[in-house]
Amino acid sequence: MGIIRLILNIIWLLTAGIWLFLGYVLAGIVACVLIVTIPFGLASFRIAGFVLWPFGREVVDTNSGGGLSVLGNVLWFVFAGLWLAVGHVVTALAQAVTIIGLPLAWANLKLIPVTCFPFGKTVVSSRDDRARMVPVAR
């Protein structure tokens, strides 16, 4: 399984990962301009690391989200999440053109929930016990 993840991650990096990573980093830099929006920037940087090398890691709920997480997710969705999700859809369509790209396109679409609503979630290794519970996205 390890070699398959490595191959998928390399193909992912070349076909979508670097561009999505740059989009998240740009969103994170813009969010960090104001002190109040630094948590949004940190969420963006966390997702950037995940979209750069996603296979072998999972997104799970932290169960620590509250009212602030809900408010943060709504604001994130309006100002960044929707646009980043569009980037995932566009790259998924481009990847789905080939048979080899179909699993990558599917993985790209599975990233949309964490792209739209990142607060109250964390990225863990697939070997982590929390990843064996019900995952949010792969």
Protein backbone atom coordinates (compact mmCIF):
# COMPACT_ATOMS: atom_id res chain seq x y z
CA MET A 1 0.00 0.00 0.00
CA GLY A 2 2.85 2.39 0.74
CA ILE A 3 4.19 2.37 -2.82
CA ILE A 4 0.72 2.97 -4.24
CA ARG A 5 0.24 5.99 -1.95
CA LEU A 6 3.63 7.31 -3.02
CA ILE A 7 2.78 6.96 -6.71
CA LEU A 8 -0.65 8.55 -6.23
CA ASN A 9 0.87 11.42 -4.25
CA ILE A 10 3.49 12.08 -6.95
CA ILE A 11 0.88 12.05 -9.73
CA TRP A 12 -1.36 14.21 -7.54
CA LEU A 13 1.45 16.69 -6.91
CA LEU A 14 2.11 17.08 -10.63
CA THR A 15 -1.51 17.27 -11.78
CA ALA A 16 -3.20 19.28 -9.03
CA GLY A 17 -1.33 19.40 -5.75
CA ILE A 18 1.07 22.22 -6.47
CA TRP A 19 -1.62 24.50 -7.92
CA LEU A 20 -4.10 23.83 -5.13
CA PHE A 21 -1.30 24.27 -2.58
CA LEU A 22 -0.46 27.68 -4.04
CA GLY A 23 -4.15 28.67 -3.93
CA TYR A 24 -4.40 27.78 -0.25
CA VAL A 25 -1.13 29.52 0.58
CA LEU A 26 -2.33 32.67 -1.21
CA ALA A 27 -5.62 32.55 0.70
CA GLY A 28 -3.66 32.05 3.94
CA ILE A 29 -1.39 35.02 3.27
CA VAL A 30 -4.36 37.25 2.47
CA ALA A 31 -6.13 36.07 5.63
CA CYS A 32 -3.08 36.79 7.79
CA VAL A 33 -3.01 40.47 6.78
CA LEU A 34 -5.38 41.36 9.62
CA ILE A 35 -4.88 40.09 13.16
CA VAL A 36 -8.55 39.12 13.47
CA THR A 37 -8.37 36.82 10.45
CA ILE A 38 -5.17 34.96 11.41
CA PRO A 39 -7.16 31.83 12.43
CA PHE A 40 -8.46 31.72 8.85
CA GLY A 41 -4.91 31.94 7.54
CA LEU A 42 -3.79 29.12 9.82
CA ALA A 43 -6.70 26.95 8.65
CA SER A 44 -5.71 27.67 5.07
CA PHE A 45 -2.09 26.72 5.70
CA ARG A 46 -3.21 23.50 7.41
CA ILE A 47 -5.28 22.53 4.38
CA ALA A 48 -2.44 23.56 2.04
CA GLY A 49 -0.20 20.93 3.57
CA PHE A 50 -2.93 18.35 3.17
CA VAL A 51 -3.69 19.11 -0.49
CA LEU A 52 0.00 18.99 -1.34
CA TRP A 53 0.34 15.32 -0.26
CA PRO A 54 -3.14 13.91 0.59
CA PHE A 55 -2.87 10.15 0.19
CA GLY A 56 -2.15 8.38 3.47
CA ARG A 57 -3.84 11.09 5.54
CA GLU A 58 -7.42 11.71 6.61
CA VAL A 59 -9.51 14.65 7.79
CA VAL A 60 -11.38 13.97 11.03
CA ASP A 61 -13.66 15.97 13.30
CA THR A 62 -11.98 17.35 16.41
CA ASN A 63 -15.26 17.42 18.34
CA SER A 64 -14.07 20.71 19.81
CA GLY A 65 -15.99 22.99 17.50
CA GLY A 66 -18.56 25.29 18.98
CA GLY A 67 -20.34 28.48 18.04
CA LEU A 68 -17.10 30.16 16.99
CA SER A 69 -16.28 27.26 14.66
CA VAL A 70 -19.70 27.53 13.05
CA LEU A 71 -19.30 31.29 12.61
CA GLY A 72 -15.76 30.80 11.29
CA ASN A 73 -16.96 28.17 8.82
CA VAL A 74 -19.71 30.45 7.51
CA LEU A 75 -17.30 33.36 7.04
CA TRP A 76 -14.68 31.06 5.52
CA PHE A 77 -17.19 29.60 3.06
CA VAL A 78 -18.30 33.02 1.85
CA PHE A 79 -14.86 34.58 1.46
CA ALA A 80 -12.56 31.66 0.57
CA GLY A 81 -14.15 28.21 0.75
CA LEU A 82 -16.46 28.58 -2.21
CA TRP A 83 -13.66 29.81 -4.47
CA LEU A 84 -11.24 27.11 -3.36
CA ALA A 85 -13.97 24.49 -3.88
CA VAL A 86 -14.39 25.75 -7.45
CA GLY A 87 -10.65 25.15 -7.90
CA HIS A 88 -11.13 21.55 -6.73
CA VAL A 89 -14.00 20.99 -9.15
CA VAL A 90 -12.03 22.43 -12.09
CA THR A 91 -8.97 20.30 -11.35
CA ALA A 92 -11.17 17.22 -10.80
CA LEU A 93 -12.73 17.73 -14.23
CA ALA A 94 -9.27 18.01 -15.79
CA GLN A 95 -8.08 14.89 -13.98
CA ALA A 96 -11.16 12.89 -14.94
CA VAL A 97 -10.24 13.10 -18.62
CA THR A 98 -8.00 10.03 -18.30
CA ILE A 99 -8.61 6.68 -16.63
CA ILE A 100 -5.52 7.11 -14.45
CA GLY A 101 -6.86 10.49 -13.34
CA LEU A 102 -10.25 9.18 -12.18
CA PRO A 103 -9.11 8.22 -8.64
CA LEU A 104 -7.37 11.58 -8.36
CA ALA A 105 -10.49 13.39 -9.51
CA TRP A 106 -12.53 11.49 -6.92
CA ALA A 107 -10.00 12.40 -4.20
CA ASN A 108 -10.19 16.01 -5.33
CA LEU A 109 -13.97 16.04 -4.94
CA LYS A 110 -13.67 14.45 -1.49
CA LEU A 111 -11.57 17.43 -0.37
CA ILE A 112 -14.43 19.87 -0.94
CA PRO A 113 -16.10 19.45 2.50
CA VAL A 114 -12.92 20.38 4.38
CA THR A 115 -12.27 23.13 1.85
CA CYS A 116 -15.65 24.68 2.54
CA PHE A 117 -15.77 24.12 6.31
CA PRO A 118 -12.26 23.68 7.83
CA PHE A 119 -12.90 24.69 11.44
CA GLY A 120 -13.48 21.83 13.86
CA LYS A 121 -11.44 19.43 11.71
CA THR A 122 -7.85 18.23 11.74
CA VAL A 123 -5.60 16.20 9.45
CA VAL A 124 -4.21 12.91 10.79
CA SER A 125 -2.29 9.97 9.39
CA SER A 126 -4.42 7.16 7.99
CA ARG A 127 -2.77 4.94 10.60
CA ASP A 128 -4.05 7.15 13.45
CA ASP A 129 -6.88 5.65 15.51
CA ARG A 130 -9.03 8.72 14.86
CA ALA A 131 -8.83 8.03 11.11
CA ARG A 132 -10.33 4.58 11.62
CA MET A 133 -13.52 6.16 12.90
CA VAL A 134 -15.89 7.78 10.46
CA PRO A 135 -13.66 10.02 8.27
CA VAL A 136 -14.85 13.39 7.04
CA ALA A 137 -12.82 13.36 3.80
CA ARG A 138 -9.89 11.52 2.30
